[in-house]
């Protein structure tokens, strides 16, 4: 008899539609097994969408990885699905430890890929080095030399979810937002259609 495919969705919190899609795909494909959601608390919106809900430690707490290993062993997990950017570094760094101590695979890229994607400056360098057209980064030196043209675009270098992203049209806005945003990253503003692709 083949092993059930139990899937652990980390930090499920309010990802109700996401988990419903996993449930739908499981039925459609005839996959046997449970969708197990996890979070710090039991009363999160997504806790009622899986077949079971469990509590895990905070991502940055000591013992988080060991907590995942324990949960994978207890729940016979086949696949781990991360949902937060914050956990990608921890999981990619500990991928071998988790996979070698359980029968689970983590749906995550290799550590070097995650390190590029998690850092906007590394992503920029990677794109330039590999010949991708990408908006130029405007450095402090460029600003001092007045080597830029408006409009510009500013965001936090470690921000997520497009929070604190602004188009800059003037010197006054540049000075204000450069002070206002913690760890600012300034680039040329590029106009056109935006495509978001989740894979």
N, C-alpha and C. Protein backbone atom coordinates (compact mmCIF):
# COMPACT_ATOMS: atom_id res chain seq x y z
N UNK A 1 0.85 -1.18 0.00
CA UNK A 1 0.00 0.00 0.00
C UNK A 1 0.89 1.24 0.00
N UNK A 2 0.63 2.17 -0.93
CA UNK A 2 1.50 3.34 -1.04
C UNK A 2 1.19 4.35 0.07
N UNK A 3 2.22 5.10 0.39
CA UNK A 3 2.14 6.09 1.46
C UNK A 3 1.24 7.26 1.05
N UNK A 4 0.44 7.78 2.02
CA UNK A 4 -0.37 8.96 1.75
C UNK A 4 0.53 10.17 1.54
N UNK A 5 0.05 11.14 0.78
CA UNK A 5 0.80 12.39 0.57
C UNK A 5 0.21 13.44 1.49
N UNK A 6 0.87 13.63 2.64
CA UNK A 6 0.44 14.65 3.60
C UNK A 6 1.26 15.92 3.37
N UNK A 7 0.56 17.02 3.23
CA UNK A 7 1.20 18.29 2.90
C UNK A 7 1.09 19.25 4.09
N UNK A 8 2.23 19.80 4.50
CA UNK A 8 2.27 20.78 5.59
C UNK A 8 2.41 22.17 5.00
N UNK A 9 1.43 23.03 5.25
CA UNK A 9 1.48 24.41 4.79
C UNK A 9 1.86 25.28 5.99
N UNK A 10 3.04 25.88 5.90
CA UNK A 10 3.57 26.68 7.00
C UNK A 10 2.92 28.06 7.04
N UNK A 11 2.78 28.59 8.25
CA UNK A 11 2.26 29.96 8.44
C UNK A 11 1.02 30.21 7.59
N UNK A 12 0.05 29.36 7.74
CA UNK A 12 -1.16 29.41 6.91
C UNK A 12 -1.98 30.68 7.14
N UNK A 13 -2.03 31.15 8.33
CA UNK A 13 -2.76 32.34 8.78
C UNK A 13 -4.06 32.62 8.02
N UNK A 14 -4.04 33.52 7.01
CA UNK A 14 -5.29 33.88 6.32
C UNK A 14 -5.31 33.38 4.87
N UNK A 15 -4.51 32.38 4.57
CA UNK A 15 -4.41 31.88 3.18
C UNK A 15 -5.53 30.87 2.87
N UNK A 16 -6.75 31.31 3.10
CA UNK A 16 -7.93 30.46 2.96
C UNK A 16 -8.07 29.94 1.52
N UNK A 17 -8.04 30.84 0.54
CA UNK A 17 -8.21 30.43 -0.87
C UNK A 17 -7.07 29.52 -1.32
N UNK A 18 -5.88 29.82 -0.87
CA UNK A 18 -4.69 29.01 -1.20
C UNK A 18 -4.90 27.56 -0.76
N UNK A 19 -5.37 27.38 0.46
CA UNK A 19 -5.57 26.03 1.00
C UNK A 19 -6.76 25.35 0.32
N UNK A 20 -7.80 26.11 0.03
CA UNK A 20 -8.94 25.55 -0.71
C UNK A 20 -8.50 25.01 -2.07
N UNK A 21 -7.58 25.70 -2.73
CA UNK A 21 -7.07 25.24 -4.02
C UNK A 21 -6.31 23.93 -3.88
N UNK A 22 -5.56 23.77 -2.80
CA UNK A 22 -4.87 22.50 -2.55
C UNK A 22 -5.88 21.39 -2.31
N UNK A 23 -6.93 21.70 -1.56
CA UNK A 23 -7.98 20.69 -1.31
C UNK A 23 -8.66 20.29 -2.62
N UNK A 24 -8.95 21.29 -3.47
CA UNK A 24 -9.60 21.02 -4.75
C UNK A 24 -8.70 20.15 -5.63
N UNK A 25 -7.42 20.50 -5.70
CA UNK A 25 -6.47 19.75 -6.54
C UNK A 25 -6.31 18.32 -6.02
N UNK A 26 -6.31 18.16 -4.71
CA UNK A 26 -6.19 16.83 -4.10
C UNK A 26 -7.36 15.94 -4.54
N UNK A 27 -8.58 16.48 -4.51
CA UNK A 27 -9.76 15.73 -4.94
C UNK A 27 -9.72 15.44 -6.44
N UNK A 28 -9.40 16.48 -7.20
CA UNK A 28 -9.38 16.36 -8.66
C UNK A 28 -8.38 15.32 -9.15
N UNK A 29 -7.22 15.27 -8.49
CA UNK A 29 -6.15 14.35 -8.89
C UNK A 29 -6.21 13.00 -8.18
N UNK A 30 -7.17 12.87 -7.26
CA UNK A 30 -7.32 11.61 -6.54
C UNK A 30 -6.15 11.31 -5.62
N UNK A 31 -5.57 12.33 -5.02
CA UNK A 31 -4.42 12.15 -4.12
C UNK A 31 -4.93 11.86 -2.72
N UNK A 32 -4.40 10.79 -2.15
CA UNK A 32 -4.76 10.45 -0.77
C UNK A 32 -3.81 11.15 0.19
N UNK A 33 -4.37 11.67 1.27
CA UNK A 33 -3.54 12.32 2.27
C UNK A 33 -4.22 13.54 2.84
N UNK A 34 -3.54 14.19 3.77
CA UNK A 34 -4.11 15.34 4.47
C UNK A 34 -3.38 16.63 4.11
N UNK A 35 -4.14 17.72 4.12
CA UNK A 35 -3.57 19.06 4.05
C UNK A 35 -3.52 19.54 5.50
N UNK A 36 -2.32 19.74 6.00
CA UNK A 36 -2.14 20.14 7.39
C UNK A 36 -1.65 21.58 7.42
N UNK A 37 -2.43 22.44 8.07
CA UNK A 37 -2.05 23.86 8.18
C UNK A 37 -1.31 24.06 9.50
N UNK A 38 -0.47 25.12 9.52
CA UNK A 38 0.23 25.43 10.76
C UNK A 38 0.27 26.94 10.96
N UNK A 39 0.36 27.33 12.20
CA UNK A 39 0.53 28.73 12.57
C UNK A 39 0.85 28.76 14.06
N UNK A 40 1.03 29.96 14.59
CA UNK A 40 1.30 30.09 16.03
C UNK A 40 0.07 29.76 16.86
N UNK A 41 -1.11 30.07 16.32
CA UNK A 41 -2.35 29.93 17.07
C UNK A 41 -3.34 29.02 16.34
N UNK A 42 -4.35 28.59 17.08
CA UNK A 42 -5.39 27.74 16.51
C UNK A 42 -6.53 28.52 15.86
N UNK A 43 -6.68 29.80 16.22
CA UNK A 43 -7.85 30.56 15.77
C UNK A 43 -7.61 31.41 14.52
N UNK A 44 -6.58 31.06 13.74
CA UNK A 44 -6.33 31.81 12.50
C UNK A 44 -7.35 31.39 11.44
N UNK A 45 -7.71 32.27 10.50
CA UNK A 45 -8.76 31.94 9.52
C UNK A 45 -8.53 30.65 8.74
N UNK A 46 -7.28 30.36 8.38
CA UNK A 46 -7.01 29.19 7.55
C UNK A 46 -7.04 27.87 8.32
N UNK A 47 -7.12 27.94 9.65
CA UNK A 47 -7.04 26.71 10.45
C UNK A 47 -8.20 25.75 10.20
N UNK A 48 -9.31 26.26 9.67
CA UNK A 48 -10.48 25.40 9.43
C UNK A 48 -10.54 24.87 8.00
N UNK A 49 -9.57 25.25 7.17
CA UNK A 49 -9.60 24.85 5.76
C UNK A 49 -8.83 23.58 5.46
N UNK A 50 -7.90 23.23 6.32
CA UNK A 50 -7.13 22.00 6.13
C UNK A 50 -7.83 20.82 6.76
N UNK A 51 -7.20 19.67 6.69
CA UNK A 51 -7.74 18.47 7.34
C UNK A 51 -7.34 18.43 8.81
N UNK A 52 -6.28 19.19 9.14
CA UNK A 52 -5.80 19.26 10.52
C UNK A 52 -5.00 20.55 10.65
N UNK A 53 -4.98 21.11 11.86
CA UNK A 53 -4.18 22.32 12.12
C UNK A 53 -3.25 22.04 13.29
N UNK A 54 -1.99 22.48 13.15
CA UNK A 54 -1.02 22.32 14.24
C UNK A 54 -0.35 23.66 14.52
N UNK A 55 0.21 23.77 15.72
CA UNK A 55 0.94 24.99 16.10
C UNK A 55 2.44 24.75 15.99
N UNK A 56 3.14 25.73 15.43
CA UNK A 56 4.59 25.70 15.35
C UNK A 56 5.15 26.98 15.93
N UNK A 57 6.42 26.95 16.30
CA UNK A 57 7.08 28.13 16.85
C UNK A 57 7.19 29.24 15.81
N UNK A 58 7.59 30.42 16.26
CA UNK A 58 7.86 31.54 15.36
C UNK A 58 9.09 31.22 14.52
N UNK A 59 9.12 31.77 13.31
CA UNK A 59 10.20 31.49 12.36
C UNK A 59 11.57 31.76 12.96
N UNK A 60 11.72 32.87 13.66
CA UNK A 60 13.04 33.25 14.17
C UNK A 60 13.31 32.73 15.58
N UNK A 61 12.37 31.97 16.15
CA UNK A 61 12.60 31.39 17.47
C UNK A 61 13.60 30.25 17.39
N UNK A 62 14.36 30.11 18.47
CA UNK A 62 15.27 28.96 18.56
C UNK A 62 14.43 27.69 18.56
N UNK A 63 14.81 26.72 17.79
CA UNK A 63 14.08 25.45 17.76
C UNK A 63 13.00 25.38 16.69
N UNK A 64 12.88 26.43 15.86
CA UNK A 64 11.85 26.42 14.80
C UNK A 64 12.05 25.24 13.84
N UNK A 65 13.28 25.05 13.42
CA UNK A 65 13.58 23.96 12.47
C UNK A 65 13.32 22.61 13.12
N UNK A 66 13.73 22.46 14.38
CA UNK A 66 13.47 21.20 15.10
C UNK A 66 11.98 20.96 15.27
N UNK A 67 11.22 22.03 15.44
CA UNK A 67 9.76 21.95 15.56
C UNK A 67 9.15 21.42 14.25
N UNK A 68 9.67 21.90 13.11
CA UNK A 68 9.21 21.41 11.81
C UNK A 68 9.54 19.93 11.65
N UNK A 69 10.76 19.55 12.03
CA UNK A 69 11.16 18.13 11.93
C UNK A 69 10.24 17.26 12.77
N UNK A 70 9.95 17.71 14.01
CA UNK A 70 9.05 16.95 14.88
C UNK A 70 7.67 16.80 14.24
N UNK A 71 7.14 17.92 13.72
CA UNK A 71 5.81 17.89 13.09
C UNK A 71 5.79 16.97 11.88
N UNK A 72 6.84 16.99 11.08
CA UNK A 72 6.92 16.14 9.89
C UNK A 72 6.93 14.67 10.26
N UNK A 73 7.62 14.35 11.35
CA UNK A 73 7.68 12.95 11.81
C UNK A 73 6.33 12.51 12.36
N UNK A 74 5.75 13.35 13.21
CA UNK A 74 4.46 13.01 13.84
C UNK A 74 3.32 12.91 12.82
N UNK A 75 3.34 13.77 11.82
CA UNK A 75 2.24 13.83 10.85
C UNK A 75 2.55 13.12 9.54
N UNK A 76 3.71 12.46 9.46
CA UNK A 76 4.13 11.74 8.25
C UNK A 76 4.02 12.63 7.00
N UNK A 77 4.70 13.78 7.08
CA UNK A 77 4.62 14.80 6.01
C UNK A 77 5.48 14.39 4.82
N UNK A 78 4.93 14.56 3.63
CA UNK A 78 5.65 14.31 2.38
C UNK A 78 6.20 15.59 1.76
N UNK A 79 5.45 16.69 1.93
CA UNK A 79 5.80 17.94 1.27
C UNK A 79 5.54 19.12 2.20
N UNK A 80 6.50 20.05 2.26
CA UNK A 80 6.38 21.26 3.07
C UNK A 80 6.27 22.45 2.13
N UNK A 81 5.23 23.26 2.33
CA UNK A 81 5.00 24.45 1.50
C UNK A 81 5.20 25.70 2.35
N UNK A 82 6.26 26.47 2.10
CA UNK A 82 6.41 27.75 2.82
C UNK A 82 5.50 28.81 2.19
N UNK A 83 5.10 29.81 3.00
CA UNK A 83 4.22 30.85 2.47
C UNK A 83 4.74 32.27 2.72
N UNK A 84 5.78 32.41 3.53
CA UNK A 84 6.29 33.74 3.88
C UNK A 84 7.72 33.93 3.39
N UNK A 85 8.01 35.13 2.88
CA UNK A 85 9.38 35.46 2.48
C UNK A 85 10.35 35.28 3.64
N UNK A 86 9.91 35.66 4.83
CA UNK A 86 10.76 35.63 6.01
C UNK A 86 11.31 34.24 6.31
N UNK A 87 10.56 33.20 5.98
CA UNK A 87 11.01 31.85 6.32
C UNK A 87 11.91 31.22 5.25
N UNK A 88 12.02 31.84 4.08
CA UNK A 88 12.77 31.22 2.99
C UNK A 88 14.25 31.06 3.31
N UNK A 89 14.86 32.07 3.94
CA UNK A 89 16.28 31.96 4.32
C UNK A 89 16.49 30.80 5.28
N UNK A 90 15.67 30.76 6.33
CA UNK A 90 15.81 29.72 7.35
C UNK A 90 15.62 28.33 6.74
N UNK A 91 14.60 28.18 5.91
CA UNK A 91 14.32 26.87 5.32
C UNK A 91 15.36 26.45 4.30
N UNK A 92 15.84 27.39 3.47
CA UNK A 92 16.85 27.02 2.47
C UNK A 92 18.17 26.65 3.15
N UNK A 93 18.51 27.35 4.24
CA UNK A 93 19.74 27.04 4.98
C UNK A 93 19.64 25.69 5.69
N UNK A 94 18.43 25.29 6.03
CA UNK A 94 18.23 24.05 6.80
C UNK A 94 17.54 22.95 5.98
N UNK A 95 17.51 23.12 4.66
CA UNK A 95 16.82 22.16 3.79
C UNK A 95 17.38 20.75 3.98
N UNK A 96 18.70 20.61 3.95
CA UNK A 96 19.31 19.28 4.08
C UNK A 96 18.97 18.67 5.44
N UNK A 97 19.06 19.47 6.51
CA UNK A 97 18.77 18.96 7.86
C UNK A 97 17.34 18.44 7.94
N UNK A 98 16.39 19.23 7.42
CA UNK A 98 14.98 18.82 7.49
C UNK A 98 14.72 17.58 6.64
N UNK A 99 15.21 17.61 5.39
CA UNK A 99 14.92 16.49 4.48
C UNK A 99 15.65 15.21 4.88
N UNK A 100 16.82 15.32 5.50
CA UNK A 100 17.55 14.10 5.89
C UNK A 100 17.04 13.51 7.20
N UNK A 101 16.28 14.30 7.96
CA UNK A 101 15.72 13.80 9.22
C UNK A 101 14.23 13.47 9.14
N UNK A 102 13.65 13.61 7.94
CA UNK A 102 12.23 13.32 7.75
C UNK A 102 12.06 12.67 6.38
N UNK A 103 10.83 12.33 6.05
CA UNK A 103 10.53 11.84 4.70
C UNK A 103 9.92 12.94 3.85
N UNK A 104 10.08 14.19 4.31
CA UNK A 104 9.47 15.35 3.63
C UNK A 104 10.46 16.03 2.70
N UNK A 105 9.91 16.62 1.65
CA UNK A 105 10.65 17.51 0.75
C UNK A 105 10.11 18.92 0.98
N UNK A 106 10.99 19.92 0.90
CA UNK A 106 10.55 21.31 1.04
C UNK A 106 10.45 21.91 -0.35
N UNK A 107 9.33 22.53 -0.65
CA UNK A 107 9.17 23.19 -1.94
C UNK A 107 9.86 24.55 -1.87
N UNK A 108 11.16 24.53 -2.15
CA UNK A 108 11.97 25.74 -2.05
C UNK A 108 13.16 25.63 -2.98
N UNK A 109 13.61 26.76 -3.47
CA UNK A 109 14.80 26.79 -4.32
C UNK A 109 16.05 26.56 -3.48
N UNK A 110 17.18 26.34 -4.16
CA UNK A 110 18.45 26.16 -3.46
C UNK A 110 18.81 27.45 -2.72
N UNK A 111 19.67 27.30 -1.72
CA UNK A 111 20.04 28.42 -0.86
C UNK A 111 20.62 29.60 -1.64
N UNK A 112 21.48 29.33 -2.65
CA UNK A 112 22.09 30.43 -3.40
C UNK A 112 21.04 31.21 -4.20
N UNK A 113 20.03 30.51 -4.72
CA UNK A 113 18.94 31.17 -5.46
C UNK A 113 18.11 32.04 -4.52
N UNK A 114 17.79 31.50 -3.35
CA UNK A 114 17.01 32.23 -2.36
C UNK A 114 17.76 33.49 -1.93
N UNK A 115 19.07 33.37 -1.73
CA UNK A 115 19.86 34.53 -1.29
C UNK A 115 19.85 35.65 -2.34
N UNK A 116 19.84 35.28 -3.62
CA UNK A 116 19.74 36.29 -4.69
C UNK A 116 18.35 36.93 -4.67
N UNK A 117 17.32 36.09 -4.62
CA UNK A 117 15.94 36.59 -4.72
C UNK A 117 15.50 37.37 -3.48
N UNK A 118 16.12 37.09 -2.34
CA UNK A 118 15.72 37.76 -1.10
C UNK A 118 16.40 39.11 -0.92
N UNK A 119 17.34 39.44 -1.80
CA UNK A 119 18.09 40.69 -1.66
C UNK A 119 17.99 41.47 -2.97
N UNK A 120 17.38 42.65 -2.91
CA UNK A 120 17.13 43.42 -4.14
C UNK A 120 18.43 43.83 -4.84
N UNK A 121 19.49 44.10 -4.09
CA UNK A 121 20.76 44.48 -4.71
C UNK A 121 21.40 43.27 -5.40
N UNK A 122 21.33 42.10 -4.76
CA UNK A 122 21.86 40.88 -5.40
C UNK A 122 21.06 40.53 -6.65
N UNK A 123 19.73 40.72 -6.56
CA UNK A 123 18.88 40.46 -7.73
C UNK A 123 19.29 41.38 -8.88
N UNK A 124 19.49 42.65 -8.57
CA UNK A 124 19.91 43.63 -9.57
C UNK A 124 21.24 43.20 -10.21
N UNK A 125 22.23 42.86 -9.37
CA UNK A 125 23.55 42.43 -9.89
C UNK A 125 23.41 41.20 -10.77
N UNK A 126 22.59 40.25 -10.33
CA UNK A 126 22.38 39.01 -11.11
C UNK A 126 21.77 39.34 -12.48
N UNK A 127 20.77 40.20 -12.49
CA UNK A 127 20.11 40.56 -13.75
C UNK A 127 21.09 41.26 -14.70
N UNK A 128 21.87 42.20 -14.19
CA UNK A 128 22.85 42.92 -15.02
C UNK A 128 23.91 41.96 -15.56
N UNK A 129 24.46 41.11 -14.66
CA UNK A 129 25.51 40.17 -15.05
C UNK A 129 25.03 39.18 -16.11
N UNK A 130 23.73 38.90 -16.12
CA UNK A 130 23.20 37.91 -17.06
C UNK A 130 22.47 38.54 -18.25
N UNK A 131 22.69 39.83 -18.45
CA UNK A 131 22.21 40.49 -19.66
C UNK A 131 20.74 40.83 -19.70
N UNK A 132 20.07 40.86 -18.53
CA UNK A 132 18.66 41.26 -18.50
C UNK A 132 18.56 42.77 -18.43
N UNK A 133 17.66 43.35 -19.22
CA UNK A 133 17.41 44.79 -19.12
C UNK A 133 16.69 45.03 -17.80
N UNK A 134 17.20 45.94 -17.04
CA UNK A 134 16.60 46.22 -15.74
C UNK A 134 16.81 47.70 -15.38
N UNK A 135 15.88 48.30 -14.64
CA UNK A 135 16.05 49.71 -14.27
C UNK A 135 17.34 49.94 -13.49
N UNK A 136 18.04 50.98 -13.86
CA UNK A 136 19.32 51.31 -13.21
C UNK A 136 19.08 51.73 -11.76
N UNK A 137 19.97 51.29 -10.87
CA UNK A 137 19.93 51.74 -9.48
C UNK A 137 20.64 53.10 -9.41
N UNK A 138 20.01 54.03 -8.72
CA UNK A 138 20.57 55.37 -8.52
C UNK A 138 21.24 55.38 -7.14
N UNK A 139 22.57 55.53 -7.13
CA UNK A 139 23.33 55.49 -5.88
C UNK A 139 23.40 56.88 -5.24
N UNK A 140 23.89 56.93 -4.00
CA UNK A 140 24.12 58.22 -3.33
C UNK A 140 25.08 59.07 -4.15
N UNK A 141 26.07 58.42 -4.74
CA UNK A 141 27.04 59.13 -5.59
C UNK A 141 26.36 59.74 -6.81
N UNK A 142 25.43 58.99 -7.42
CA UNK A 142 24.67 59.51 -8.57
C UNK A 142 23.87 60.75 -8.16
N UNK A 143 23.30 60.70 -6.95
CA UNK A 143 22.50 61.83 -6.47
C UNK A 143 23.41 63.05 -6.25
N UNK A 144 24.57 62.83 -5.64
CA UNK A 144 25.52 63.93 -5.42
C UNK A 144 25.94 64.56 -6.75
N UNK A 145 26.15 63.73 -7.76
CA UNK A 145 26.60 64.24 -9.08
C UNK A 145 25.44 64.70 -9.96
N UNK A 146 24.22 64.56 -9.44
CA UNK A 146 23.02 64.92 -10.22
C UNK A 146 22.89 64.06 -11.49
N UNK A 147 23.34 62.80 -11.38
CA UNK A 147 23.36 61.89 -12.53
C UNK A 147 22.10 61.02 -12.54
N UNK A 148 20.96 61.61 -12.78
CA UNK A 148 19.68 60.90 -12.83
C UNK A 148 18.65 61.81 -13.49
N UNK A 149 17.56 61.18 -13.92
CA UNK A 149 16.45 61.94 -14.51
C UNK A 149 15.15 61.49 -13.85
N UNK A 150 14.23 62.41 -13.69
CA UNK A 150 12.91 62.05 -13.17
C UNK A 150 12.05 61.52 -14.30
N UNK A 151 11.08 60.67 -14.04
CA UNK A 151 10.70 60.15 -12.72
C UNK A 151 11.64 59.02 -12.27
N UNK A 152 11.70 58.88 -10.94
CA UNK A 152 12.44 57.79 -10.31
C UNK A 152 11.44 56.94 -9.52
N UNK A 153 11.93 55.84 -8.99
CA UNK A 153 11.08 54.97 -8.17
C UNK A 153 11.86 54.61 -6.92
N UNK A 154 11.21 54.68 -5.76
CA UNK A 154 11.89 54.40 -4.50
C UNK A 154 11.11 53.37 -3.70
N UNK A 155 11.85 52.49 -3.04
CA UNK A 155 11.25 51.47 -2.17
C UNK A 155 12.28 51.10 -1.12
N UNK A 156 11.86 50.36 -0.12
CA UNK A 156 12.79 49.88 0.89
C UNK A 156 13.55 48.68 0.33
N UNK A 157 14.85 48.64 0.56
CA UNK A 157 15.65 47.54 0.02
C UNK A 157 15.30 46.19 0.65
N UNK A 158 14.67 46.22 1.82
CA UNK A 158 14.25 44.93 2.40
C UNK A 158 12.74 44.88 2.64
N UNK A 159 12.00 45.71 1.92
CA UNK A 159 10.54 45.72 2.05
C UNK A 159 9.90 44.57 1.30
N UNK A 160 8.68 44.24 1.67
CA UNK A 160 7.91 43.18 1.00
C UNK A 160 6.51 43.69 0.70
N UNK A 161 5.87 43.07 -0.27
CA UNK A 161 4.47 43.35 -0.56
C UNK A 161 4.20 44.74 -1.11
N UNK A 162 5.18 45.35 -1.75
CA UNK A 162 5.03 46.68 -2.36
C UNK A 162 4.64 47.77 -1.37
N UNK A 163 4.98 47.57 -0.09
CA UNK A 163 4.69 48.64 0.87
C UNK A 163 5.79 49.69 0.78
N UNK A 164 5.42 50.94 0.99
CA UNK A 164 6.34 52.08 0.90
C UNK A 164 7.10 52.11 -0.42
N UNK A 165 6.37 51.97 -1.52
CA UNK A 165 6.91 52.14 -2.88
C UNK A 165 6.32 53.41 -3.45
N UNK A 166 7.16 54.29 -3.99
CA UNK A 166 6.65 55.57 -4.48
C UNK A 166 7.35 55.98 -5.77
N UNK A 167 6.57 56.59 -6.65
CA UNK A 167 7.12 57.24 -7.84
C UNK A 167 7.57 58.64 -7.41
N UNK A 168 8.75 59.05 -7.86
CA UNK A 168 9.31 60.35 -7.49
C UNK A 168 9.38 61.23 -8.73
N UNK A 169 8.79 62.43 -8.63
CA UNK A 169 8.71 63.33 -9.78
C UNK A 169 9.52 64.61 -9.64
N UNK A 170 10.09 64.83 -8.45
CA UNK A 170 10.78 66.10 -8.24
C UNK A 170 11.88 65.95 -7.20
N UNK A 171 12.74 66.97 -7.15
CA UNK A 171 13.83 67.02 -6.16
C UNK A 171 13.28 66.99 -4.74
N UNK A 172 12.21 67.73 -4.55
CA UNK A 172 11.58 67.81 -3.23
C UNK A 172 11.11 66.41 -2.78
N UNK A 173 10.44 65.68 -3.67
CA UNK A 173 9.97 64.32 -3.35
C UNK A 173 11.15 63.39 -3.11
N UNK A 174 12.20 63.53 -3.91
CA UNK A 174 13.40 62.70 -3.75
C UNK A 174 14.00 62.89 -2.36
N UNK A 175 14.16 64.13 -1.94
CA UNK A 175 14.73 64.41 -0.62
C UNK A 175 13.85 63.88 0.51
N UNK A 176 12.54 64.09 0.34
CA UNK A 176 11.60 63.64 1.38
C UNK A 176 11.61 62.12 1.52
N UNK A 177 11.38 61.41 0.40
CA UNK A 177 11.26 59.95 0.47
C UNK A 177 12.59 59.27 0.79
N UNK A 178 13.69 59.88 0.41
CA UNK A 178 15.00 59.32 0.72
C UNK A 178 15.24 59.33 2.23
N UNK A 179 14.65 60.31 2.92
CA UNK A 179 14.72 60.38 4.39
C UNK A 179 13.64 59.51 5.04
N UNK A 180 12.47 59.51 4.43
CA UNK A 180 11.29 58.84 5.00
C UNK A 180 11.43 57.31 5.00
N UNK A 181 11.98 56.75 3.93
CA UNK A 181 12.05 55.29 3.79
C UNK A 181 13.33 54.75 4.41
N UNK A 182 13.14 53.75 5.25
CA UNK A 182 14.28 53.09 5.85
C UNK A 182 14.96 52.20 4.80
N UNK A 183 16.28 52.28 4.71
CA UNK A 183 17.07 51.52 3.74
C UNK A 183 16.52 51.72 2.31
N UNK A 184 16.54 52.95 1.81
CA UNK A 184 15.95 53.22 0.49
C UNK A 184 16.73 52.61 -0.66
N UNK A 185 16.00 52.18 -1.68
CA UNK A 185 16.57 51.73 -2.94
C UNK A 185 15.88 52.57 -4.03
N UNK A 186 16.68 53.32 -4.78
CA UNK A 186 16.13 54.21 -5.80
C UNK A 186 16.53 53.69 -7.17
N UNK A 187 15.56 53.64 -8.08
CA UNK A 187 15.81 53.19 -9.44
C UNK A 187 15.13 54.10 -10.45
N UNK A 188 15.52 53.92 -11.71
CA UNK A 188 14.79 54.58 -12.79
C UNK A 188 13.34 54.09 -12.74
N UNK A 189 12.41 54.97 -13.09
CA UNK A 189 11.01 54.56 -13.18
C UNK A 189 10.76 54.02 -14.58
N UNK A 190 10.18 52.84 -14.66
CA UNK A 190 9.87 52.20 -15.95
C UNK A 190 8.37 52.12 -16.11
N UNK A 191 7.88 52.60 -17.21
CA UNK A 191 6.44 52.58 -17.47
C UNK A 191 6.08 51.36 -18.31
N UNK A 192 4.90 50.80 -18.09
CA UNK A 192 4.46 49.66 -18.89
C UNK A 192 3.56 48.73 -18.11
N UNK A 193 3.20 47.63 -18.72
CA UNK A 193 2.34 46.65 -18.04
C UNK A 193 3.15 45.88 -17.03
N UNK A 194 2.52 45.58 -15.90
CA UNK A 194 3.17 44.80 -14.85
C UNK A 194 2.54 43.42 -14.82
N UNK A 195 3.39 42.40 -14.77
CA UNK A 195 2.91 41.01 -14.68
C UNK A 195 3.46 40.39 -13.40
N UNK A 196 2.57 39.84 -12.61
CA UNK A 196 2.98 39.09 -11.41
C UNK A 196 2.77 37.62 -11.70
N UNK A 197 3.80 36.83 -11.48
CA UNK A 197 3.71 35.40 -11.78
C UNK A 197 4.07 34.61 -10.54
N UNK A 198 3.13 33.82 -10.05
CA UNK A 198 3.39 32.90 -8.93
C UNK A 198 3.60 31.51 -9.48
N UNK A 199 4.69 30.87 -9.10
CA UNK A 199 4.99 29.53 -9.61
C UNK A 199 5.14 28.59 -8.44
